[in-house]
Amino acid sequence: MDTSDTNRDDSTDDGESFTDRLKSLKTNMSDKLNRAIDDAKEKKRNVDKKPKSPETHHMDELDPTVNQVHSRVDMTDEYVTIVVDLPNVDGEDVDVNAKPTHIDVRTFTSHTHHYDEEIPLPAPVKIETGQAVFNNGVLEVTFEKEPAPTPDNSQSL
């Protein structure tokens, strides 16, 4: 009977046992994971410290009861359309105030869902052409664009 298998040495060439090698790998992986977590926490702290530009300063940073709206602005040659998600809001609680360069969307409710947002427009619009539709928590506002100046309309000064 060959007993070489029962007396087998699980050590590596450098004399380290297989169990010791596993423990070393586990410690190494744990150290790397802890460093990655610490790095992620540090990056978050640095992001939180950055001053906000006026374009990203929303009312929800001043008042925690104010939520930021999710919006999309689409533009064609003739129209600018703004689509705003206002979940859990009734249409009669929505106030839209339009300017040629942006719209203000506010909700006034007794519920916890309160929105106050200024949404910039990609081109000047004719305010008097504005049409708003509110359906199932989605506000859609459409304006005709102001015509772009053409060389034919130019005047000498």
N, C-alpha and C. Protein backbone atom coordinates (compact mmCIF):
# COMPACT_ATOMS: atom_id res chain seq x y z
N MET A 1 0.83 -1.16 0.00
CA MET A 1 0.00 0.00 0.00
C MET A 1 0.89 1.24 0.00
N ASP A 2 0.55 2.18 -0.88
CA ASP A 2 1.33 3.41 -0.99
C ASP A 2 0.76 4.45 -0.05
N THR A 3 1.55 4.98 0.86
CA THR A 3 1.10 5.95 1.86
C THR A 3 1.51 7.37 1.49
N SER A 4 1.99 7.57 0.29
CA SER A 4 2.44 8.91 -0.10
C SER A 4 1.30 9.91 -0.12
N ASP A 5 0.06 9.45 -0.44
CA ASP A 5 -1.08 10.36 -0.46
C ASP A 5 -1.46 10.82 0.94
N THR A 6 -1.37 9.97 1.94
CA THR A 6 -1.76 10.35 3.30
C THR A 6 -0.73 11.23 3.95
N ASN A 7 0.50 11.16 3.51
CA ASN A 7 1.55 12.00 4.09
C ASN A 7 1.87 13.21 3.20
N ARG A 8 0.95 13.51 2.30
CA ARG A 8 1.19 14.60 1.35
C ARG A 8 1.30 15.93 2.08
N ASP A 9 2.25 16.74 1.67
CA ASP A 9 2.46 18.07 2.24
C ASP A 9 1.78 19.08 1.34
N ASP A 10 0.84 19.87 1.91
CA ASP A 10 0.10 20.85 1.14
C ASP A 10 0.83 22.18 1.05
N SER A 11 2.08 22.21 1.32
CA SER A 11 2.81 23.47 1.27
C SER A 11 3.24 23.78 -0.15
N THR A 12 3.42 25.08 -0.40
CA THR A 12 3.87 25.55 -1.71
C THR A 12 5.39 25.50 -1.74
N ASP A 13 5.95 25.90 -2.87
CA ASP A 13 7.40 25.87 -3.03
C ASP A 13 8.11 26.71 -1.97
N ASP A 14 7.47 27.80 -1.52
CA ASP A 14 8.13 28.67 -0.54
C ASP A 14 7.84 28.23 0.90
N GLY A 15 7.23 27.06 1.09
CA GLY A 15 7.00 26.52 2.42
C GLY A 15 5.68 26.95 3.04
N GLU A 16 4.89 27.76 2.34
CA GLU A 16 3.61 28.23 2.88
C GLU A 16 2.56 27.16 2.64
N SER A 17 1.75 26.86 3.66
CA SER A 17 0.72 25.83 3.50
C SER A 17 -0.44 26.38 2.68
N PHE A 18 -1.22 25.48 2.15
CA PHE A 18 -2.38 25.84 1.35
C PHE A 18 -3.36 26.67 2.18
N THR A 19 -3.58 26.30 3.41
CA THR A 19 -4.49 27.03 4.30
C THR A 19 -3.97 28.43 4.57
N ASP A 20 -2.68 28.55 4.79
CA ASP A 20 -2.11 29.87 5.02
C ASP A 20 -2.25 30.74 3.77
N ARG A 21 -2.07 30.15 2.63
CA ARG A 21 -2.20 30.89 1.36
C ARG A 21 -3.63 31.39 1.18
N LEU A 22 -4.63 30.56 1.50
CA LEU A 22 -6.03 30.97 1.41
C LEU A 22 -6.33 32.13 2.36
N LYS A 23 -5.81 32.04 3.59
CA LYS A 23 -6.01 33.12 4.56
C LYS A 23 -5.39 34.42 4.06
N SER A 24 -4.22 34.32 3.46
CA SER A 24 -3.54 35.49 2.93
C SER A 24 -4.35 36.12 1.78
N LEU A 25 -4.88 35.29 0.89
CA LEU A 25 -5.71 35.78 -0.21
C LEU A 25 -6.97 36.46 0.31
N LYS A 26 -7.59 35.85 1.32
CA LYS A 26 -8.81 36.40 1.91
C LYS A 26 -8.52 37.78 2.52
N THR A 27 -7.43 37.89 3.25
CA THR A 27 -7.06 39.16 3.86
C THR A 27 -6.78 40.21 2.80
N ASN A 28 -6.07 39.82 1.75
CA ASN A 28 -5.74 40.73 0.67
C ASN A 28 -7.01 41.24 -0.03
N MET A 29 -7.95 40.34 -0.31
CA MET A 29 -9.19 40.73 -0.96
C MET A 29 -10.02 41.63 -0.05
N SER A 30 -10.04 41.33 1.23
CA SER A 30 -10.78 42.14 2.19
C SER A 30 -10.19 43.55 2.27
N ASP A 31 -8.87 43.65 2.27
CA ASP A 31 -8.20 44.96 2.29
C ASP A 31 -8.55 45.78 1.04
N LYS A 32 -8.53 45.12 -0.12
CA LYS A 32 -8.85 45.81 -1.37
C LYS A 32 -10.30 46.30 -1.36
N LEU A 33 -11.22 45.47 -0.87
CA LEU A 33 -12.62 45.85 -0.81
C LEU A 33 -12.81 47.03 0.14
N ASN A 34 -12.17 47.01 1.29
CA ASN A 34 -12.28 48.12 2.23
C ASN A 34 -11.72 49.41 1.64
N ARG A 35 -10.61 49.33 0.89
CA ARG A 35 -10.05 50.51 0.25
C ARG A 35 -11.02 51.06 -0.81
N ALA A 36 -11.65 50.16 -1.56
CA ALA A 36 -12.61 50.59 -2.59
C ALA A 36 -13.81 51.29 -1.94
N ILE A 37 -14.28 50.76 -0.83
CA ILE A 37 -15.40 51.38 -0.12
C ILE A 37 -14.99 52.75 0.41
N ASP A 38 -13.80 52.84 0.99
CA ASP A 38 -13.31 54.12 1.50
C ASP A 38 -13.16 55.14 0.37
N ASP A 39 -12.66 54.70 -0.78
CA ASP A 39 -12.51 55.60 -1.94
C ASP A 39 -13.88 56.11 -2.40
N ALA A 40 -14.88 55.22 -2.45
CA ALA A 40 -16.22 55.63 -2.87
C ALA A 40 -16.81 56.64 -1.89
N LYS A 41 -16.62 56.42 -0.60
CA LYS A 41 -17.12 57.36 0.41
C LYS A 41 -16.44 58.72 0.26
N GLU A 42 -15.14 58.71 0.00
CA GLU A 42 -14.40 59.96 -0.17
C GLU A 42 -14.89 60.72 -1.40
N LYS A 43 -15.14 60.00 -2.51
CA LYS A 43 -15.64 60.65 -3.71
C LYS A 43 -17.01 61.27 -3.45
N LYS A 44 -17.87 60.58 -2.71
CA LYS A 44 -19.19 61.13 -2.39
C LYS A 44 -19.05 62.38 -1.54
N ARG A 45 -18.15 62.36 -0.56
CA ARG A 45 -17.93 63.55 0.26
C ARG A 45 -17.47 64.73 -0.60
N ASN A 46 -16.58 64.46 -1.56
CA ASN A 46 -16.09 65.53 -2.44
C ASN A 46 -17.20 66.07 -3.33
N VAL A 47 -18.08 65.21 -3.83
CA VAL A 47 -19.20 65.66 -4.66
C VAL A 47 -20.13 66.52 -3.83
N ASP A 48 -20.41 66.11 -2.60
CA ASP A 48 -21.30 66.86 -1.72
C ASP A 48 -20.74 68.23 -1.38
N LYS A 49 -19.40 68.37 -1.38
CA LYS A 49 -18.77 69.65 -1.03
C LYS A 49 -18.74 70.63 -2.19
N LYS A 50 -18.90 70.15 -3.43
CA LYS A 50 -18.81 71.03 -4.59
C LYS A 50 -19.95 72.04 -4.56
N PRO A 51 -19.65 73.32 -4.83
CA PRO A 51 -20.72 74.31 -4.88
C PRO A 51 -21.60 74.06 -6.10
N LYS A 52 -22.86 74.30 -5.94
CA LYS A 52 -23.80 74.08 -7.03
C LYS A 52 -23.87 75.34 -7.89
N SER A 53 -23.90 75.15 -9.19
CA SER A 53 -24.03 76.28 -10.10
C SER A 53 -25.49 76.71 -10.11
N PRO A 54 -25.79 77.94 -10.55
CA PRO A 54 -27.18 78.38 -10.58
C PRO A 54 -28.07 77.48 -11.43
N GLU A 55 -27.52 76.86 -12.48
CA GLU A 55 -28.33 76.01 -13.34
C GLU A 55 -28.79 74.74 -12.62
N THR A 56 -28.06 74.30 -11.60
CA THR A 56 -28.43 73.06 -10.92
C THR A 56 -29.00 73.32 -9.54
N HIS A 57 -29.21 74.58 -9.18
CA HIS A 57 -29.75 74.92 -7.87
C HIS A 57 -31.27 74.88 -7.95
N HIS A 58 -31.87 73.89 -7.29
CA HIS A 58 -33.31 73.71 -7.32
C HIS A 58 -33.91 74.04 -5.96
N MET A 59 -35.18 74.32 -5.97
CA MET A 59 -35.88 74.66 -4.74
C MET A 59 -35.80 73.52 -3.72
N ASP A 60 -35.68 72.28 -4.16
CA ASP A 60 -35.65 71.17 -3.22
C ASP A 60 -34.41 71.20 -2.34
N GLU A 61 -33.38 71.96 -2.73
CA GLU A 61 -32.19 72.08 -1.90
C GLU A 61 -32.45 73.06 -0.76
N LEU A 62 -33.39 73.98 -0.96
CA LEU A 62 -33.73 74.94 0.07
C LEU A 62 -34.83 74.43 0.98
N ASP A 63 -35.76 73.70 0.43
CA ASP A 63 -36.90 73.20 1.17
C ASP A 63 -37.04 71.70 0.89
N PRO A 64 -36.83 70.85 1.90
CA PRO A 64 -36.87 69.41 1.65
C PRO A 64 -38.23 68.88 1.26
N THR A 65 -39.30 69.68 1.40
CA THR A 65 -40.63 69.21 0.99
C THR A 65 -40.87 69.44 -0.49
N VAL A 66 -39.95 70.13 -1.18
CA VAL A 66 -40.10 70.43 -2.60
C VAL A 66 -39.34 69.38 -3.39
N ASN A 67 -40.02 68.73 -4.33
CA ASN A 67 -39.40 67.70 -5.16
C ASN A 67 -38.96 68.30 -6.48
N GLN A 68 -37.92 67.74 -7.07
CA GLN A 68 -37.45 68.17 -8.37
C GLN A 68 -38.27 67.46 -9.44
N VAL A 69 -38.70 68.21 -10.44
CA VAL A 69 -39.48 67.60 -11.51
C VAL A 69 -38.56 66.93 -12.52
N HIS A 70 -39.10 65.94 -13.19
CA HIS A 70 -38.39 65.28 -14.28
C HIS A 70 -39.03 65.79 -15.56
N SER A 71 -38.22 66.39 -16.42
CA SER A 71 -38.78 67.01 -17.61
C SER A 71 -37.94 66.71 -18.83
N ARG A 72 -38.58 66.93 -19.98
CA ARG A 72 -37.92 66.75 -21.27
C ARG A 72 -38.39 67.89 -22.16
N VAL A 73 -37.49 68.46 -22.93
CA VAL A 73 -37.84 69.54 -23.85
C VAL A 73 -37.54 69.06 -25.26
N ASP A 74 -38.57 69.11 -26.10
CA ASP A 74 -38.42 68.72 -27.51
C ASP A 74 -38.61 69.96 -28.39
N MET A 75 -37.89 70.01 -29.50
CA MET A 75 -37.99 71.17 -30.38
C MET A 75 -38.02 70.71 -31.83
N THR A 76 -38.94 71.30 -32.58
CA THR A 76 -38.97 71.10 -34.03
C THR A 76 -38.68 72.47 -34.66
N ASP A 77 -38.84 72.55 -35.98
CA ASP A 77 -38.61 73.83 -36.65
C ASP A 77 -39.64 74.88 -36.22
N GLU A 78 -40.85 74.43 -35.84
CA GLU A 78 -41.93 75.37 -35.53
C GLU A 78 -42.34 75.42 -34.07
N TYR A 79 -42.08 74.35 -33.29
CA TYR A 79 -42.63 74.26 -31.94
C TYR A 79 -41.57 73.87 -30.91
N VAL A 80 -41.84 74.28 -29.66
CA VAL A 80 -41.08 73.81 -28.51
C VAL A 80 -42.11 73.15 -27.59
N THR A 81 -41.83 71.90 -27.20
CA THR A 81 -42.74 71.16 -26.33
C THR A 81 -41.98 70.74 -25.09
N ILE A 82 -42.59 70.99 -23.93
CA ILE A 82 -42.02 70.61 -22.64
C ILE A 82 -42.92 69.54 -22.05
N VAL A 83 -42.34 68.40 -21.67
CA VAL A 83 -43.09 67.32 -21.04
C VAL A 83 -42.54 67.18 -19.62
N VAL A 84 -43.44 67.29 -18.63
CA VAL A 84 -43.03 67.28 -17.24
C VAL A 84 -43.80 66.18 -16.49
N ASP A 85 -43.05 65.32 -15.80
CA ASP A 85 -43.66 64.28 -14.97
C ASP A 85 -43.99 64.87 -13.61
N LEU A 86 -45.25 64.82 -13.21
CA LEU A 86 -45.69 65.30 -11.91
C LEU A 86 -46.53 64.22 -11.24
N PRO A 87 -45.89 63.16 -10.79
CA PRO A 87 -46.65 62.05 -10.20
C PRO A 87 -47.38 62.48 -8.93
N ASN A 88 -48.54 61.90 -8.72
CA ASN A 88 -49.36 62.13 -7.52
C ASN A 88 -49.84 63.56 -7.39
N VAL A 89 -49.99 64.26 -8.52
CA VAL A 89 -50.46 65.64 -8.51
C VAL A 89 -51.72 65.71 -9.37
N ASP A 90 -52.71 66.50 -8.92
CA ASP A 90 -53.92 66.73 -9.71
C ASP A 90 -53.70 67.94 -10.61
N GLY A 91 -54.33 67.94 -11.77
CA GLY A 91 -54.16 69.01 -12.74
C GLY A 91 -54.53 70.38 -12.20
N GLU A 92 -55.55 70.47 -11.35
CA GLU A 92 -55.96 71.77 -10.82
C GLU A 92 -54.95 72.34 -9.82
N ASP A 93 -53.99 71.53 -9.39
CA ASP A 93 -52.96 71.98 -8.46
C ASP A 93 -51.69 72.46 -9.15
N VAL A 94 -51.68 72.45 -10.50
CA VAL A 94 -50.49 72.81 -11.27
C VAL A 94 -50.59 74.26 -11.75
N ASP A 95 -49.52 75.01 -11.57
CA ASP A 95 -49.44 76.39 -12.05
C ASP A 95 -48.23 76.49 -12.99
N VAL A 96 -48.48 76.97 -14.22
CA VAL A 96 -47.41 77.15 -15.21
C VAL A 96 -47.33 78.62 -15.54
N ASN A 97 -46.13 79.18 -15.41
CA ASN A 97 -45.88 80.58 -15.75
C ASN A 97 -44.82 80.59 -16.84
N ALA A 98 -45.15 81.17 -17.99
CA ALA A 98 -44.24 81.13 -19.14
C ALA A 98 -43.57 82.46 -19.38
N LYS A 99 -42.30 82.37 -19.75
CA LYS A 99 -41.49 83.50 -20.21
C LYS A 99 -40.92 83.08 -21.57
N PRO A 100 -40.42 84.02 -22.37
CA PRO A 100 -39.88 83.63 -23.68
C PRO A 100 -38.70 82.65 -23.60
N THR A 101 -37.99 82.62 -22.46
CA THR A 101 -36.80 81.77 -22.37
C THR A 101 -36.94 80.59 -21.42
N HIS A 102 -38.02 80.54 -20.62
CA HIS A 102 -38.19 79.43 -19.68
C HIS A 102 -39.64 79.36 -19.20
N ILE A 103 -39.98 78.23 -18.57
CA ILE A 103 -41.28 78.14 -17.90
C ILE A 103 -41.03 77.77 -16.44
N ASP A 104 -41.91 78.25 -15.58
CA ASP A 104 -41.90 77.88 -14.17
C ASP A 104 -43.07 76.93 -13.94
N VAL A 105 -42.79 75.79 -13.34
CA VAL A 105 -43.83 74.83 -13.01
C VAL A 105 -43.88 74.70 -11.50
N ARG A 106 -45.06 74.97 -10.94
CA ARG A 106 -45.24 74.87 -9.49
C ARG A 106 -46.52 74.09 -9.21
N THR A 107 -46.51 73.36 -8.12
CA THR A 107 -47.74 72.72 -7.67
C THR A 107 -48.04 73.22 -6.27
N PHE A 108 -49.31 73.36 -6.00
CA PHE A 108 -49.77 73.81 -4.69
C PHE A 108 -50.78 72.80 -4.19
N THR A 109 -50.33 71.94 -3.31
CA THR A 109 -51.22 70.91 -2.79
C THR A 109 -51.03 70.77 -1.29
N SER A 110 -51.96 70.12 -0.68
CA SER A 110 -51.81 69.81 0.74
C SER A 110 -51.09 68.48 0.91
N HIS A 111 -50.82 67.83 -0.21
CA HIS A 111 -50.12 66.54 -0.18
C HIS A 111 -48.62 66.76 0.04
N THR A 112 -47.90 65.69 0.17
CA THR A 112 -46.45 65.79 0.36
C THR A 112 -45.71 66.02 -0.95
N HIS A 113 -46.39 65.93 -2.08
CA HIS A 113 -45.73 66.10 -3.38
C HIS A 113 -45.86 67.54 -3.82
N HIS A 114 -44.77 68.30 -3.68
CA HIS A 114 -44.75 69.71 -4.03
C HIS A 114 -43.58 69.94 -4.99
N TYR A 115 -43.85 70.63 -6.09
CA TYR A 115 -42.82 70.87 -7.10
C TYR A 115 -42.69 72.36 -7.36
N ASP A 116 -41.48 72.79 -7.63
CA ASP A 116 -41.21 74.18 -7.99
C ASP A 116 -39.95 74.16 -8.84
N GLU A 117 -40.11 74.36 -10.15
CA GLU A 117 -38.98 74.19 -11.05
C GLU A 117 -39.02 75.20 -12.19
N GLU A 118 -37.86 75.74 -12.52
CA GLU A 118 -37.70 76.59 -13.70
C GLU A 118 -37.04 75.75 -14.78
N ILE A 119 -37.71 75.64 -15.93
CA ILE A 119 -37.21 74.80 -17.01
C ILE A 119 -36.82 75.71 -18.18
N PRO A 120 -35.53 75.77 -18.53
CA PRO A 120 -35.09 76.63 -19.64
C PRO A 120 -35.57 76.08 -20.98
N LEU A 121 -35.84 77.00 -21.88
CA LEU A 121 -36.28 76.62 -23.24
C LEU A 121 -35.11 76.79 -24.20
N PRO A 122 -35.01 75.92 -25.20
CA PRO A 122 -33.86 75.96 -26.11
C PRO A 122 -33.93 77.09 -27.14
N ALA A 123 -35.10 77.74 -27.26
CA ALA A 123 -35.27 78.83 -28.22
C ALA A 123 -36.39 79.74 -27.71
N PRO A 124 -36.37 81.02 -28.10
CA PRO A 124 -37.47 81.91 -27.69
C PRO A 124 -38.80 81.43 -28.29
N VAL A 125 -39.87 81.59 -27.50
CA VAL A 125 -41.19 81.14 -27.93
C VAL A 125 -42.18 82.29 -27.90
N LYS A 126 -43.30 82.11 -28.62
CA LYS A 126 -44.41 83.05 -28.57
C LYS A 126 -45.31 82.62 -27.42
N ILE A 127 -45.26 83.36 -26.34
CA ILE A 127 -45.99 82.96 -25.13
C ILE A 127 -47.48 82.84 -25.39
N GLU A 128 -48.04 83.73 -26.19
CA GLU A 128 -49.49 83.74 -26.42
C GLU A 128 -49.98 82.49 -27.13
N THR A 129 -49.08 81.68 -27.70
CA THR A 129 -49.50 80.45 -28.40
C THR A 129 -49.45 79.23 -27.50
N GLY A 130 -49.09 79.42 -26.24
CA GLY A 130 -48.93 78.29 -25.32
C GLY A 130 -50.21 77.51 -25.10
N GLN A 131 -50.06 76.19 -25.11
CA GLN A 131 -51.18 75.28 -24.82
C GLN A 131 -50.66 74.22 -23.86
N ALA A 132 -51.42 74.00 -22.78
CA ALA A 132 -51.01 73.01 -21.79
C ALA A 132 -52.07 71.92 -21.68
N VAL A 133 -51.60 70.68 -21.56
CA VAL A 133 -52.47 69.53 -21.35
C VAL A 133 -51.90 68.75 -20.17
N PHE A 134 -52.77 68.38 -19.23
CA PHE A 134 -52.34 67.58 -18.07
C PHE A 134 -53.14 66.30 -18.08
N ASN A 135 -52.43 65.15 -18.10
CA ASN A 135 -53.11 63.86 -18.15
C ASN A 135 -52.31 62.82 -17.38
N ASN A 136 -52.93 62.21 -16.38
CA ASN A 136 -52.31 61.13 -15.60
C ASN A 136 -50.93 61.50 -15.05
N GLY A 137 -50.81 62.68 -14.48
CA GLY A 137 -49.54 63.07 -13.86
C GLY A 137 -48.48 63.57 -14.82
N VAL A 138 -48.85 63.79 -16.08
CA VAL A 138 -47.89 64.29 -17.08
C VAL A 138 -48.42 65.61 -17.64
N LEU A 139 -47.61 66.65 -17.53
CA LEU A 139 -47.93 67.96 -18.08
C LEU A 139 -47.19 68.12 -19.40
N GLU A 140 -47.92 68.53 -20.44
CA GLU A 140 -47.29 68.80 -21.74
C GLU A 140 -47.66 70.22 -22.16
N VAL A 141 -46.65 71.05 -22.35
CA VAL A 141 -46.85 72.45 -22.74
C VAL A 141 -46.17 72.65 -24.09
N THR A 142 -46.92 73.23 -25.04
CA THR A 142 -46.40 73.45 -26.39
C THR A 142 -46.52 74.93 -26.76
N PHE A 143 -45.46 75.46 -27.36
CA PHE A 143 -45.42 76.84 -27.83
C PHE A 143 -44.94 76.86 -29.28
N GLU A 144 -45.39 77.88 -30.02
CA GLU A 144 -44.79 78.16 -31.32
C GLU A 144 -43.47 78.87 -31.06
N LYS A 145 -42.47 78.56 -31.85
CA LYS A 145 -41.18 79.25 -31.73
C LYS A 145 -41.27 80.63 -32.36
N GLU A 146 -40.49 81.55 -31.79
CA GLU A 146 -40.31 82.85 -32.44
C GLU A 146 -39.51 82.60 -33.71
N PRO A 147 -39.87 83.25 -34.82
CA PRO A 147 -39.09 83.03 -36.03
C PRO A 147 -37.66 83.54 -35.85
N ALA A 148 -36.75 82.79 -36.38
CA ALA A 148 -35.33 83.19 -36.33
C ALA A 148 -35.13 84.34 -37.29
N PRO A 149 -34.30 85.31 -36.91
CA PRO A 149 -34.03 86.43 -37.84
C PRO A 149 -33.37 85.90 -39.11
N THR A 150 -33.80 86.44 -40.21
CA THR A 150 -33.23 86.04 -41.50
C THR A 150 -32.49 87.24 -42.09
N PRO A 151 -31.58 87.01 -42.99
CA PRO A 151 -30.85 88.12 -43.63
C PRO A 151 -31.81 89.08 -44.34
N ASP A 152 -32.96 88.59 -44.83
CA ASP A 152 -33.91 89.45 -45.53
C ASP A 152 -34.55 90.47 -44.58
N ASN A 153 -34.64 90.14 -43.30
CA ASN A 153 -35.28 91.02 -42.33
C ASN A 153 -34.29 91.98 -41.69
N SER A 154 -33.04 91.93 -42.06
CA SER A 154 -32.04 92.77 -41.41
C SER A 154 -32.19 94.23 -41.83
N GLN A 155 -31.79 95.11 -40.90
CA GLN A 155 -31.86 96.54 -41.17
C GLN A 155 -30.49 97.16 -40.91
N SER A 156 -30.17 98.20 -41.65
CA SER A 156 -28.92 98.92 -41.42
C SER A 156 -29.09 99.83 -40.23
N LEU A 157 -28.02 100.01 -39.51
CA LEU A 157 -28.05 100.92 -38.36
C LEU A 157 -27.40 102.23 -38.71
